[in-house]
Protein backbone atom coordinates (compact mmCIF):
# COMPACT_ATOMS: atom_id res chain seq x y z
CA MET A 1 -35.14 1.82 -5.11
CA ASN A 2 -35.31 4.78 -7.49
CA ALA A 3 -38.55 6.57 -8.34
CA GLU A 4 -38.96 4.57 -11.56
CA SER A 5 -38.61 1.23 -9.70
CA THR A 6 -35.85 0.16 -12.12
CA ARG A 7 -32.79 0.36 -9.88
CA CYS A 8 -31.98 -0.85 -6.35
CA ALA A 9 -28.71 0.55 -5.01
CA ILE A 10 -26.55 -0.90 -2.24
CA THR A 11 -24.94 1.78 -0.07
CA VAL A 12 -22.60 1.46 2.89
CA HIS A 13 -23.74 2.62 6.31
CA ILE A 14 -20.95 2.51 8.88
CA ASN A 15 -22.18 1.66 12.37
CA GLU A 16 -18.71 1.37 13.89
CA LEU A 17 -15.58 2.83 12.36
CA PRO A 18 -12.61 0.45 12.01
CA PRO A 19 -9.70 1.29 14.37
CA LEU A 20 -7.63 2.90 11.62
CA ASN A 21 -5.59 5.02 14.05
CA ASN A 22 -4.53 1.96 16.05
CA TRP A 23 -3.66 0.08 12.88
CA SER A 24 -1.68 3.10 11.68
CA LEU A 25 0.45 2.98 14.84
CA THR A 26 1.12 -0.74 14.42
CA ILE A 27 2.02 -0.42 10.74
CA GLY A 28 4.24 2.55 11.56
CA ASP A 29 6.22 0.33 13.94
CA CYS A 30 6.57 -2.27 11.17
CA LEU A 31 7.86 0.33 8.72
CA TYR A 32 10.30 1.71 11.28
CA SER A 33 11.68 -1.78 11.87
CA LEU A 34 12.10 -2.41 8.14
CA ARG A 35 13.94 0.88 7.71
CA CYS A 36 16.18 0.06 10.68
CA CYS A 37 17.08 -3.30 9.12
CA LEU A 38 18.74 -1.48 6.23
CA ASP A 39 20.64 0.88 8.52
CA HIS A 40 21.80 -2.02 10.69
CA LEU A 41 22.97 -3.77 7.52
CA VAL A 42 25.23 -0.86 6.56
CA TYR A 43 26.58 -0.48 10.07
CA ALA A 44 27.32 -4.20 10.43
CA ILE A 45 29.16 -4.32 7.11
CA ALA A 46 31.14 -1.18 7.93
CA CYS A 47 32.18 -2.70 11.29
CA HIS A 48 33.14 -5.97 9.61
CA GLU A 49 35.25 -4.30 6.94
CA ALA A 50 36.96 -1.96 9.42
CA SER A 51 37.57 -4.59 12.13
CA PRO A 52 39.26 -4.37 14.56
CA ALA A 53 39.13 -0.56 14.16
CA ILE A 54 36.01 1.58 14.55
CA PRO A 55 34.39 2.18 11.14
CA ALA A 56 35.03 5.54 9.51
CA TYR A 57 32.29 8.17 9.93
CA GLU A 58 30.55 5.88 12.40
CA GLY A 59 27.97 8.49 13.43
CA LYS A 60 26.83 9.09 9.85
CA LEU A 61 26.38 5.50 8.72
CA GLN A 62 22.99 4.61 7.25
CA PHE A 63 21.43 3.05 4.19
CA PRO A 64 20.83 5.89 1.71
CA ILE A 65 17.54 5.99 -0.18
CA THR A 66 17.64 8.46 -3.04
CA THR A 67 15.67 9.24 -6.19
CA CYS A 68 18.55 9.93 -8.58
CA LYS A 69 22.23 9.12 -9.02
CA ALA A 70 23.34 12.66 -8.17
CA ASP A 71 21.66 12.41 -4.76
CA PHE A 72 23.16 8.98 -4.18
CA ASP A 73 26.65 10.23 -5.01
CA ASP A 74 26.09 13.16 -2.66
CA ALA A 75 24.97 10.82 0.13
CA VAL A 76 28.13 8.75 -0.35
CA ALA A 77 30.75 11.43 -1.03
CA ARG A 78 29.59 14.44 1.01
CA ARG A 79 27.28 13.08 3.70
CA ARG A 80 29.37 9.91 4.15
CA GLN A 81 26.33 7.73 4.79
CA LEU A 82 28.27 4.65 3.68
CA GLY A 83 31.46 5.69 5.43
CA ALA A 84 34.45 3.90 3.86
CA ILE A 85 32.44 0.87 2.80
CA SER A 86 33.95 -1.19 -0.06
CA ASP A 87 33.12 -0.47 -3.70
CA PRO A 88 31.34 -3.79 -4.42
CA VAL A 89 29.00 -3.22 -1.47
CA ARG A 90 28.42 0.41 -2.45
CA ALA A 91 27.61 -0.62 -6.03
CA GLU A 92 25.12 -3.25 -4.84
CA ILE A 93 23.40 -0.72 -2.58
CA GLU A 94 23.12 1.66 -5.52
CA ARG A 95 21.61 -1.10 -7.64
CA TYR A 96 18.63 -1.22 -5.29
CA GLN A 97 18.02 2.53 -5.22
CA PRO A 98 14.52 3.60 -6.35
CA TYR A 99 15.81 5.12 -9.59
CA ASN A 100 17.29 1.75 -10.54
CA ARG A 101 14.41 -0.42 -9.32
CA PRO A 102 10.95 0.65 -10.52
CA HIS A 103 7.84 -1.33 -9.67
CA PRO A 104 5.12 -2.13 -12.25
CA HIS A 105 2.15 -1.32 -10.00
CA VAL A 106 3.28 1.09 -7.26
CA PRO A 107 6.16 3.56 -6.85
CA PRO A 108 9.58 1.99 -6.17
CA LEU A 109 9.27 0.15 -2.89
CA LEU A 110 12.19 1.83 -1.15
CA SER A 111 10.84 5.26 -2.07
CA ILE A 112 7.51 4.37 -0.43
CA LEU A 113 9.34 3.05 2.64
CA GLN A 114 11.24 6.33 2.87
CA GLU A 115 8.09 8.40 2.38
CA LEU A 116 6.00 6.52 4.93
CA SER A 117 8.74 6.21 7.55
CA ASN A 118 9.32 9.98 7.35
CA TRP A 119 5.58 10.64 7.54
CA ASP A 120 5.26 8.31 10.54
CA LYS A 121 7.79 10.34 12.52
CA HIS A 122 5.34 13.22 12.90
CA ARG A 123 1.84 12.04 11.90
CA LEU A 124 -0.35 8.99 11.75
CA LEU A 125 -0.15 7.04 8.52
CA ARG A 126 -3.10 7.65 6.24
CA MET A 127 -5.36 4.61 6.27
CA ALA A 128 -8.58 4.16 4.33
CA THR A 129 -11.24 1.63 3.36
CA LYS A 130 -10.34 1.27 -0.29
CA GLY A 131 -13.07 -0.85 -1.84
CA MET A 132 -14.93 -4.11 -1.96
CA PHE A 133 -12.88 -7.30 -1.95
CA ARG A 134 -15.73 -9.77 -2.32
CA GLY A 135 -19.41 -9.91 -1.53
CA GLN A 136 -22.67 -11.81 -1.62
CA VAL A 137 -26.01 -10.30 -2.66
CA GLY A 138 -29.40 -11.93 -2.42
CA MET A 139 -32.79 -10.57 -3.52
CA ASP A 140 -36.32 -11.41 -2.33
CA PHE A 141 -38.56 -11.44 -5.41
CA SER A 142 -41.51 -13.19 -3.70
CA ARG A 143 -43.61 -10.01 -3.74
CA ALA A 144 -42.24 -8.52 -6.95
CA ASP A 145 -44.72 -6.78 -9.25
CA PRO A 146 -44.56 -7.85 -12.02
CA PRO A 147 -42.95 -11.25 -11.24
CA VAL A 148 -39.20 -11.39 -11.88
CA MET A 149 -37.77 -14.01 -14.21
CA ASP A 150 -34.17 -14.98 -14.98
CA GLY A 151 -32.60 -12.34 -17.20
CA ASP A 152 -34.91 -9.55 -16.02
CA PHE A 153 -32.21 -7.94 -13.86
CA GLN A 154 -28.47 -7.36 -13.64
CA PHE A 155 -26.12 -6.63 -10.74
CA THR A 156 -23.39 -4.06 -11.40
CA PRO A 157 -20.70 -3.25 -8.81
CA THR A 158 -19.86 0.43 -8.42
CA SER A 159 -16.20 1.35 -8.55
CA SER A 160 -15.10 3.73 -5.79
CA PRO A 161 -11.50 4.51 -4.78
CA GLU A 162 -12.45 4.97 -1.12
CA ILE A 163 -15.39 3.70 0.91
CA GLU A 164 -17.12 6.12 3.29
CA ASP A 165 -20.52 6.26 4.95
CA GLY A 166 -23.12 6.51 2.19
CA THR A 167 -20.86 5.22 -0.61
CA GLU A 168 -22.69 3.20 -3.26
CA ILE A 169 -20.99 -0.14 -3.90
CA GLY A 170 -23.39 -1.76 -6.37
CA ALA A 171 -26.89 -1.81 -7.83
CA ILE A 172 -29.52 -4.17 -9.23
CA THR A 173 -31.08 -2.82 -12.43
CA PHE A 174 -34.30 -4.06 -14.07
CA GLY A 175 -35.32 -3.85 -17.70
CA ARG A 176 -38.79 -2.61 -16.68
CA PRO A 177 -40.32 -1.00 -13.56
CA THR A 178 -40.45 -3.65 -10.84
CA ALA A 179 -41.88 -2.88 -7.40
CA ASN A 180 -41.69 -4.71 -4.06
CA VAL A 181 -38.22 -6.21 -4.41
CA TYR A 182 -35.87 -6.34 -1.43
CA PHE A 183 -32.33 -7.33 -0.55
CA ASP A 184 -32.26 -10.28 1.83
CA ILE A 185 -28.48 -10.92 1.77
CA THR A 186 -25.81 -8.20 1.65
CA VAL A 187 -22.45 -9.48 2.90
CA PHE A 188 -19.28 -7.70 1.79
CA ASP A 189 -15.59 -7.72 2.67
CA PHE A 190 -13.67 -4.49 2.21
CA VAL A 191 -9.97 -3.73 1.71
CA ILE A 192 -8.13 -1.67 4.33
CA ALA A 193 -5.48 0.33 2.50
CA ILE A 194 -2.56 2.62 3.22
CA ARG A 195 -2.08 5.83 1.24
CA HIS A 196 1.19 6.73 -0.47
CA SER A 197 2.35 8.71 -3.49
CA LYS A 198 1.04 7.73 -6.89
CA ARG A 199 3.29 5.81 -9.25
CA ASP A 200 2.97 8.56 -11.89
CA ALA A 201 0.55 11.19 -13.21
CA THR A 202 -1.32 8.63 -15.33
CA THR A 203 -2.19 6.46 -12.32
CA PRO A 204 -5.99 6.39 -11.92
CA VAL A 205 -7.90 7.74 -8.95
CA GLY A 206 -7.22 5.48 -5.99
CA GLY A 207 -3.81 4.49 -7.34
CA ASP A 208 -2.21 5.96 -4.22
CA LEU A 209 -3.92 3.36 -2.02
CA SER A 210 -2.51 -0.14 -1.48
CA GLU A 211 -3.98 -2.96 0.60
CA PHE A 212 -1.80 -2.74 3.68
CA SER A 213 -1.21 -6.46 4.37
CA ALA A 214 -0.06 -7.27 0.83
CA PHE A 215 1.92 -4.05 0.75
CA LEU A 216 3.83 -4.88 3.95
CA THR A 217 4.57 -8.32 2.49
CA LEU A 218 6.01 -6.69 -0.64
CA LEU A 219 8.18 -4.37 1.45
CA SER A 220 9.40 -7.18 3.69
CA GLU A 221 10.36 -9.29 0.69
CA GLU A 222 12.22 -6.34 -0.84
CA ILE A 223 14.18 -5.68 2.35
CA ARG A 224 15.05 -9.37 2.64
CA THR A 225 16.23 -9.42 -0.98
CA ILE A 226 18.41 -6.35 -0.42
CA ILE A 227 19.98 -7.76 2.74
CA TYR A 228 20.90 -11.03 1.03
CA ALA A 229 22.20 -9.34 -2.13
CA VAL A 230 24.29 -6.70 -0.35
CA SER A 231 25.66 -9.18 2.20
CA ALA A 232 26.81 -11.43 -0.66
CA LYS A 233 29.22 -8.67 -1.77
CA VAL A 234 31.05 -8.58 1.56
CA ASN A 235 34.48 -10.19 1.60
């Protein structure tokens, strides 16, 4: 309660930190597997198209992920990441490159996969408690002075891009000084997020954090879509 007895704030006090480092290792394995799926796709197609011979540039084969057409052309022509793969397959792979496939809420999904899989090779992924998902607040007004009636107070959640010890997540405000009020229920669920690059410069604070479970689902669906679409172009 503030000195004027008009505002009761709810702040987070962390008794036990979530195992973010362990979760980072697990998610890193998931990202590595998703990235490998794309490389296995290219290698399998190259082997199929070259059969019974060994595919050209076998040691360089991988699924390129690039941010512009010039880099994609360089990956194909100079670095030979697609070997001698057929034109329809190459064109379909290019269609799913980040510069051709923006996302309305986060950066292009393949660009995030590339960023995080590269980061995971050397460091733990950056995990954070992003914010409140849902909650329940109850107040004890039995000793309030003066008595509290309906409409005398309002609960306002506090927006915060990242939750740490001492972060305020909401407050009860009163239209007049009101003493001897207490919280009797404070139950909240928080979002565990993974940090990545922002979509663009106009993205608000916290826009580089995505709830990790939903984010992995998005990535998995994107990889599945790419595998089906590219495989459909194989003769």
